C-alpha cells in the first residue's frame, strides 16, 4: 500500500441509518496501530461536529473532533461579509454562528450570503427568500450536490435537490458547491492532517461523489458496496472505471477492506 492517510465517508460506509457498520471500529483501531492518519469527510451538513463526534463514540468508533470534516463547516469558510441567509439544519446554522456571521431571518433584511444545505423543512417561502437575496447580489454557496440519499423509506431528497430548486428560481448557478466530488472538503482535511493527496486513500460508497472526487484529487479510491454502493451493478462499476480510471479497489463490505489492511500492513 502506498498510502499513509485514509479518508472515510460517513453514512453508507462507517454507519448506515445511525447504525455502525461491522468492522468500522476495528478498521480505525488498525489504522491507529499502523500509524496512519485518518478522518471522516462527509457531505452531510445537518449535524454539528460535536454531534458527529458523540455519535461515533456511541458506535465505538474512536474519532477525535479535529478529524471530522463536514460540508457545513468547510462551506462556512467561504462566506463573505457579515450576514447570511441559511437554508439548512442545526449543523449549518452552528457552522455559520461559529465563524461569527449574523444569520438573517426576517424578510427585508439584507444577506451578504445565501448558503443552502439539507433541510427537511424546505418550502416555497424559503425558495422565495433565497431567490430574493441572490437576485440582490448575495454570494450563493451550496454545501453539497447530493440530490438524494438512502433512508429506511428508500431514496429521499438531498441538499442538491434544494440547491437546484433555488438555482432554477433565481436563474443563477451557485457560486461554489463545497462537498464531494468538488475538492474543497478533501483539501481541508488533507491540510489539517498534513497529508498528501497522492499518499491518501478515499473510502466511499458513491461513485459520482466519493470516488470521482478522489480521482480528481489524485488520491487512490476504494468503493465499498454498502449504502448507495450496494445499488451499483458490476457493469456500472466497469463503465465508471473505463471512463475515470477508478476506483482502485472494490470490496463488498468493510470486512474485506479490513482483511486487505491487515494483509498489507
Protein backbone atom coordinates (compact mmCIF):
# COMPACT_ATOMS: atom_id res chain seq x y z
CA UNK A 1 0.00 0.00 0.00
CA UNK A 2 1.40 3.39 -0.96
CA UNK A 3 -0.93 5.45 1.24
CA UNK A 4 -0.40 6.75 4.75
CA UNK A 5 -3.75 8.51 5.17
CA UNK A 6 -7.32 7.19 4.83
CA UNK A 7 -10.41 9.38 4.44
CA UNK A 8 -13.82 7.84 5.09
CA UNK A 9 -17.29 8.83 4.01
CA UNK A 10 -19.75 8.53 6.88
CA UNK A 11 -23.28 7.39 6.08
CA UNK A 12 -23.19 4.28 3.93
CA UNK A 13 -19.61 3.46 4.90
CA UNK A 14 -18.86 3.71 8.63
CA UNK A 15 -22.56 3.62 9.52
CA UNK A 16 -25.96 3.30 7.86
CA UNK A 17 -29.05 5.00 9.29
CA UNK A 18 -27.18 5.65 12.52
CA UNK A 19 -26.17 2.00 12.94
CA UNK A 20 -22.46 1.19 12.98
CA UNK A 21 -21.16 -0.96 10.15
CA UNK A 22 -19.45 -4.19 11.19
CA UNK A 23 -15.66 -3.82 11.36
CA UNK A 24 -15.74 0.00 11.28
CA UNK A 25 -14.29 0.31 14.83
CA UNK A 26 -11.73 -2.42 14.11
CA UNK A 27 -10.58 -0.62 10.97
CA UNK A 28 -9.96 2.64 12.83
CA UNK A 29 -8.10 0.77 15.58
CA UNK A 30 -5.95 -0.98 12.97
CA UNK A 31 -5.08 2.30 11.24
CA UNK A 32 -4.02 3.73 14.60
CA UNK A 33 -1.80 0.69 15.20
CA UNK A 34 -0.28 1.12 11.74
CA UNK A 35 0.44 4.80 12.44
CA UNK A 36 -1.74 6.00 9.55
CA UNK A 37 -3.70 9.24 9.52
CA UNK A 38 -7.47 9.08 9.10
CA UNK A 39 -10.55 11.31 9.10
CA UNK A 40 -14.26 11.46 8.38
CA UNK A 41 -15.23 13.61 5.37
CA UNK A 42 -18.98 13.85 4.95
CA UNK A 43 -21.24 15.79 2.61
CA UNK A 44 -23.95 15.75 5.29
CA UNK A 45 -24.42 19.26 6.71
CA UNK A 46 -27.29 18.56 9.12
CA UNK A 47 -25.32 17.80 12.29
CA UNK A 48 -22.69 19.72 14.25
CA UNK A 49 -19.16 18.40 14.62
CA UNK A 50 -19.84 17.63 18.27
CA UNK A 51 -22.95 15.65 17.35
CA UNK A 52 -20.91 13.58 14.88
CA UNK A 53 -18.20 13.13 17.49
CA UNK A 54 -20.69 11.84 20.06
CA UNK A 55 -22.40 9.62 17.50
CA UNK A 56 -19.10 7.99 16.56
CA UNK A 57 -18.16 7.48 20.22
CA UNK A 58 -21.54 5.83 20.84
CA UNK A 59 -20.81 3.49 17.93
CA UNK A 60 -17.41 2.55 19.33
CA UNK A 61 -15.52 4.43 16.61
CA UNK A 62 -12.62 6.44 18.11
CA UNK A 63 -12.58 9.65 16.03
CA UNK A 64 -11.31 12.90 17.53
CA UNK A 65 -13.30 16.07 16.94
CA UNK A 66 -10.50 17.57 14.83
CA UNK A 67 -10.70 14.61 12.43
CA UNK A 68 -14.32 15.32 11.48
CA UNK A 69 -14.86 17.39 8.32
CA UNK A 70 -18.37 18.25 7.17
CA UNK A 71 -19.59 20.23 4.18
CA UNK A 72 -21.27 22.72 6.55
CA UNK A 73 -18.06 23.86 8.25
CA UNK A 74 -15.99 23.92 5.09
CA UNK A 75 -18.74 25.86 3.27
CA UNK A 76 -18.79 28.46 6.06
CA UNK A 77 -15.10 29.15 5.32
CA UNK A 78 -16.19 30.74 2.03
CA UNK A 79 -18.74 33.16 3.49
CA UNK A 80 -18.15 36.84 2.75
CA UNK A 81 -19.16 40.00 4.59
CA UNK A 82 -21.12 39.72 7.83
CA UNK A 83 -24.60 38.31 7.19
CA UNK A 84 -26.00 35.05 5.80
CA UNK A 85 -29.40 33.60 4.90
CA UNK A 86 -29.40 29.89 5.76
CA UNK A 87 -31.45 27.05 4.35
CA UNK A 88 -30.36 24.05 6.35
CA UNK A 89 -30.39 22.30 9.70
CA UNK A 90 -28.51 22.57 13.00
CA UNK A 91 -25.08 21.70 11.61
CA UNK A 92 -25.17 24.50 9.05
CA UNK A 93 -26.50 27.11 11.48
CA UNK A 94 -23.82 26.12 14.01
CA UNK A 95 -21.09 26.42 11.37
CA UNK A 96 -22.20 29.93 10.40
CA UNK A 97 -22.51 31.08 14.02
CA UNK A 98 -19.09 29.60 14.87
CA UNK A 99 -17.49 31.84 12.23
CA UNK A 100 -19.19 34.94 13.70
CA UNK A 101 -21.77 35.51 10.96
CA UNK A 102 -25.17 37.05 11.67
CA UNK A 103 -27.99 34.83 10.40
CA UNK A 104 -30.69 36.84 8.60
CA UNK A 105 -34.21 35.60 9.26
CA UNK A 106 -36.67 38.43 8.66
CA UNK A 107 -37.90 39.39 5.20
CA UNK A 108 -36.47 42.71 4.16
CA UNK A 109 -33.07 42.23 5.78
CA UNK A 110 -30.03 42.08 3.50
CA UNK A 111 -27.83 38.99 3.42
CA UNK A 112 -24.28 39.07 2.11
CA UNK A 113 -24.52 35.32 1.52
CA UNK A 114 -27.05 32.59 0.85
CA UNK A 115 -25.96 29.14 1.98
CA UNK A 116 -28.00 26.01 1.30
CA UNK A 117 -27.72 22.51 2.73
CA UNK A 118 -30.05 19.63 3.52
CA UNK A 119 -33.28 20.98 5.07
CA UNK A 120 -36.19 18.73 5.94
CA UNK A 121 -38.43 21.79 6.40
CA UNK A 122 -37.65 23.15 2.92
CA UNK A 123 -40.62 25.03 1.42
CA UNK A 124 -41.81 27.65 -1.07
CA UNK A 125 -41.14 30.60 1.25
CA UNK A 126 -37.52 29.56 1.71
CA UNK A 127 -37.04 29.33 -2.05
CA UNK A 128 -38.56 32.79 -2.48
CA UNK A 129 -36.41 34.35 0.25
CA UNK A 130 -33.20 32.79 -1.04
CA UNK A 131 -34.11 33.88 -4.56
CA UNK A 132 -34.64 37.48 -3.39
CA UNK A 133 -31.24 37.65 -1.72
CA UNK A 134 -29.42 36.08 -4.68
CA UNK A 135 -31.04 38.46 -7.17
CA UNK A 136 -29.94 41.31 -4.91
CA UNK A 137 -26.33 40.17 -5.18
CA UNK A 138 -25.79 37.68 -2.34
CA UNK A 139 -22.91 35.22 -2.69
CA UNK A 140 -24.51 31.79 -3.27
CA UNK A 141 -22.96 28.73 -1.62
CA UNK A 142 -24.14 25.11 -1.64
CA UNK A 143 -22.92 22.54 0.87
CA UNK A 144 -23.03 19.51 -1.40
CA UNK A 145 -24.50 18.28 -4.69
CA UNK A 146 -26.15 15.05 -3.44
CA UNK A 147 -29.65 15.14 -4.95
CA UNK A 148 -30.81 12.20 -2.85
CA UNK A 149 -29.64 9.75 -0.23
CA UNK A 150 -30.85 6.42 1.18
CA UNK A 151 -33.20 6.10 4.15
CA UNK A 152 -35.39 3.39 5.65
CA UNK A 153 -38.13 4.54 3.27
CA UNK A 154 -35.81 4.39 0.24
CA UNK A 155 -34.20 7.35 -1.53
CA UNK A 156 -35.20 10.80 -0.26
CA UNK A 157 -34.25 14.30 -1.49
CA UNK A 158 -30.86 15.67 -0.51
CA UNK A 159 -29.21 19.09 -0.43
CA UNK A 160 -28.55 19.01 -4.17
CA UNK A 161 -32.28 18.99 -4.88
CA UNK A 162 -32.77 22.10 -2.72
CA UNK A 163 -29.84 23.90 -4.30
CA UNK A 164 -31.23 23.02 -7.75
CA UNK A 165 -34.67 24.42 -6.85
CA UNK A 166 -33.19 27.79 -5.83
CA UNK A 167 -30.88 27.84 -8.86
CA UNK A 168 -33.92 27.29 -11.12
CA UNK A 169 -35.99 30.00 -9.41
CA UNK A 170 -33.22 32.60 -9.36
CA UNK A 171 -31.81 31.57 -12.74
CA UNK A 172 -28.37 31.61 -11.14
CA UNK A 173 -25.97 28.76 -10.53
CA UNK A 174 -24.31 28.54 -7.13
CA UNK A 175 -21.02 30.44 -6.91
CA UNK A 176 -19.47 27.46 -5.17
CA UNK A 177 -20.54 23.99 -4.05
CA UNK A 178 -18.23 22.61 -1.43
CA UNK A 179 -18.93 18.90 -0.95
CA UNK A 180 -17.62 15.88 -2.83
CA UNK A 181 -16.82 15.47 -5.72
CA UNK A 182 -15.56 19.06 -5.57
CA UNK A 183 -12.09 19.41 -3.99
CA UNK A 184 -12.72 21.72 -1.03
CA UNK A 185 -13.71 19.12 1.59
CA UNK A 186 -10.72 16.93 0.69
CA UNK A 187 -8.32 19.87 0.70
CA UNK A 188 -9.46 20.99 4.13
CA UNK A 189 -8.94 17.51 5.59
CA UNK A 190 -5.55 16.97 3.94
CA UNK A 191 -4.26 20.37 5.01
CA UNK A 192 -5.30 19.80 8.62
CA UNK A 193 -3.85 16.28 8.72
CA UNK A 194 -0.64 17.29 6.98
CA UNK A 195 -1.24 14.61 4.36
CA UNK A 196 -0.52 14.43 0.63
CA UNK A 197 -3.24 13.56 -1.86
CA UNK A 198 -1.00 11.07 -3.68
CA UNK A 199 -0.49 9.15 -0.42
CA UNK A 200 -4.18 9.18 0.59
CA UNK A 201 -6.94 6.60 0.09
CA UNK A 202 -10.60 7.68 -0.02
CA UNK A 203 -13.14 5.06 1.08
CA UNK A 204 -16.70 5.73 -0.07
CA UNK A 205 -19.93 4.22 -1.32
CA UNK A 206 -20.79 6.69 -4.11
CA UNK A 207 -19.02 6.60 -7.45
CA UNK A 208 -20.13 10.08 -8.56
CA UNK A 209 -19.05 11.86 -5.36
CA UNK A 210 -16.63 9.95 -3.10
CA UNK A 211 -14.76 8.12 -5.85
CA UNK A 212 -14.85 10.75 -8.60
CA UNK A 213 -13.69 13.44 -6.18
CA UNK A 214 -10.80 11.26 -5.01
CA UNK A 215 -9.73 10.54 -8.58
CA UNK A 216 -9.84 14.25 -9.45
CA UNK A 217 -7.66 14.99 -6.40
CA UNK A 218 -5.06 12.39 -7.39
CA UNK A 219 -5.92 10.12 -4.47
CA UNK A 220 -6.39 6.36 -4.54
CA UNK A 221 -10.00 5.32 -4.16
CA UNK A 222 -11.88 2.40 -2.64
CA UNK A 223 -15.56 1.65 -3.28
CA UNK A 224 -17.36 -0.36 -0.62
CA UNK A 225 -20.61 -1.86 -1.86
CA UNK A 226 -22.63 -0.77 1.14
CA UNK A 227 -25.10 2.12 1.33
CA UNK A 228 -25.54 3.57 -2.18
CA UNK A 229 -22.69 1.31 -3.32
CA UNK A 230 -24.97 -1.71 -2.99
CA UNK A 231 -27.03 -0.39 -5.90
CA UNK A 232 -24.20 -0.48 -8.46
CA UNK A 233 -24.02 -3.37 -10.90
CA UNK A 234 -20.64 -4.72 -11.96
CA UNK A 235 -21.30 -3.26 -15.40
CA UNK A 236 -21.78 0.21 -13.92
CA UNK A 237 -18.54 -0.08 -11.94
CA UNK A 238 -16.66 -1.30 -15.03
CA UNK A 239 -18.00 1.61 -17.11
CA UNK A 240 -17.00 4.11 -14.44
CA UNK A 241 -13.52 2.60 -14.24
CA UNK A 242 -13.15 2.77 -18.02
CA UNK A 243 -14.19 6.43 -18.08
CA UNK A 244 -12.47 7.74 -14.94
CA UNK A 245 -9.68 5.27 -14.17
CA UNK A 246 -11.02 4.20 -10.77
CA UNK A 247 -11.93 3.04 -8.20
CA UNK A 248 -8.61 1.34 -7.46
CA UNK A 249 -10.26 -1.14 -5.07
CA UNK A 250 -13.77 -2.55 -4.71
CA UNK A 251 -14.92 -4.50 -1.65
CA UNK A 252 -18.38 -5.91 -0.89
CA UNK A 253 -18.21 -4.88 2.80
CA UNK A 254 -15.87 -3.35 5.36
CA UNK A 255 -14.83 -6.85 6.41
CA UNK A 256 -12.96 -7.39 3.12
CA UNK A 257 -11.40 -3.92 3.44
CA UNK A 258 -10.29 -4.78 6.99
CA UNK A 259 -8.68 -8.02 5.74
CA UNK A 260 -6.95 -6.06 2.99
CA UNK A 261 -5.48 -3.63 5.53
CA UNK A 262 -4.26 -6.46 7.76
CA UNK A 263 -2.70 -8.45 4.93
CA UNK A 264 -0.89 -5.39 3.56
CA UNK A 265 0.29 -3.84 6.82
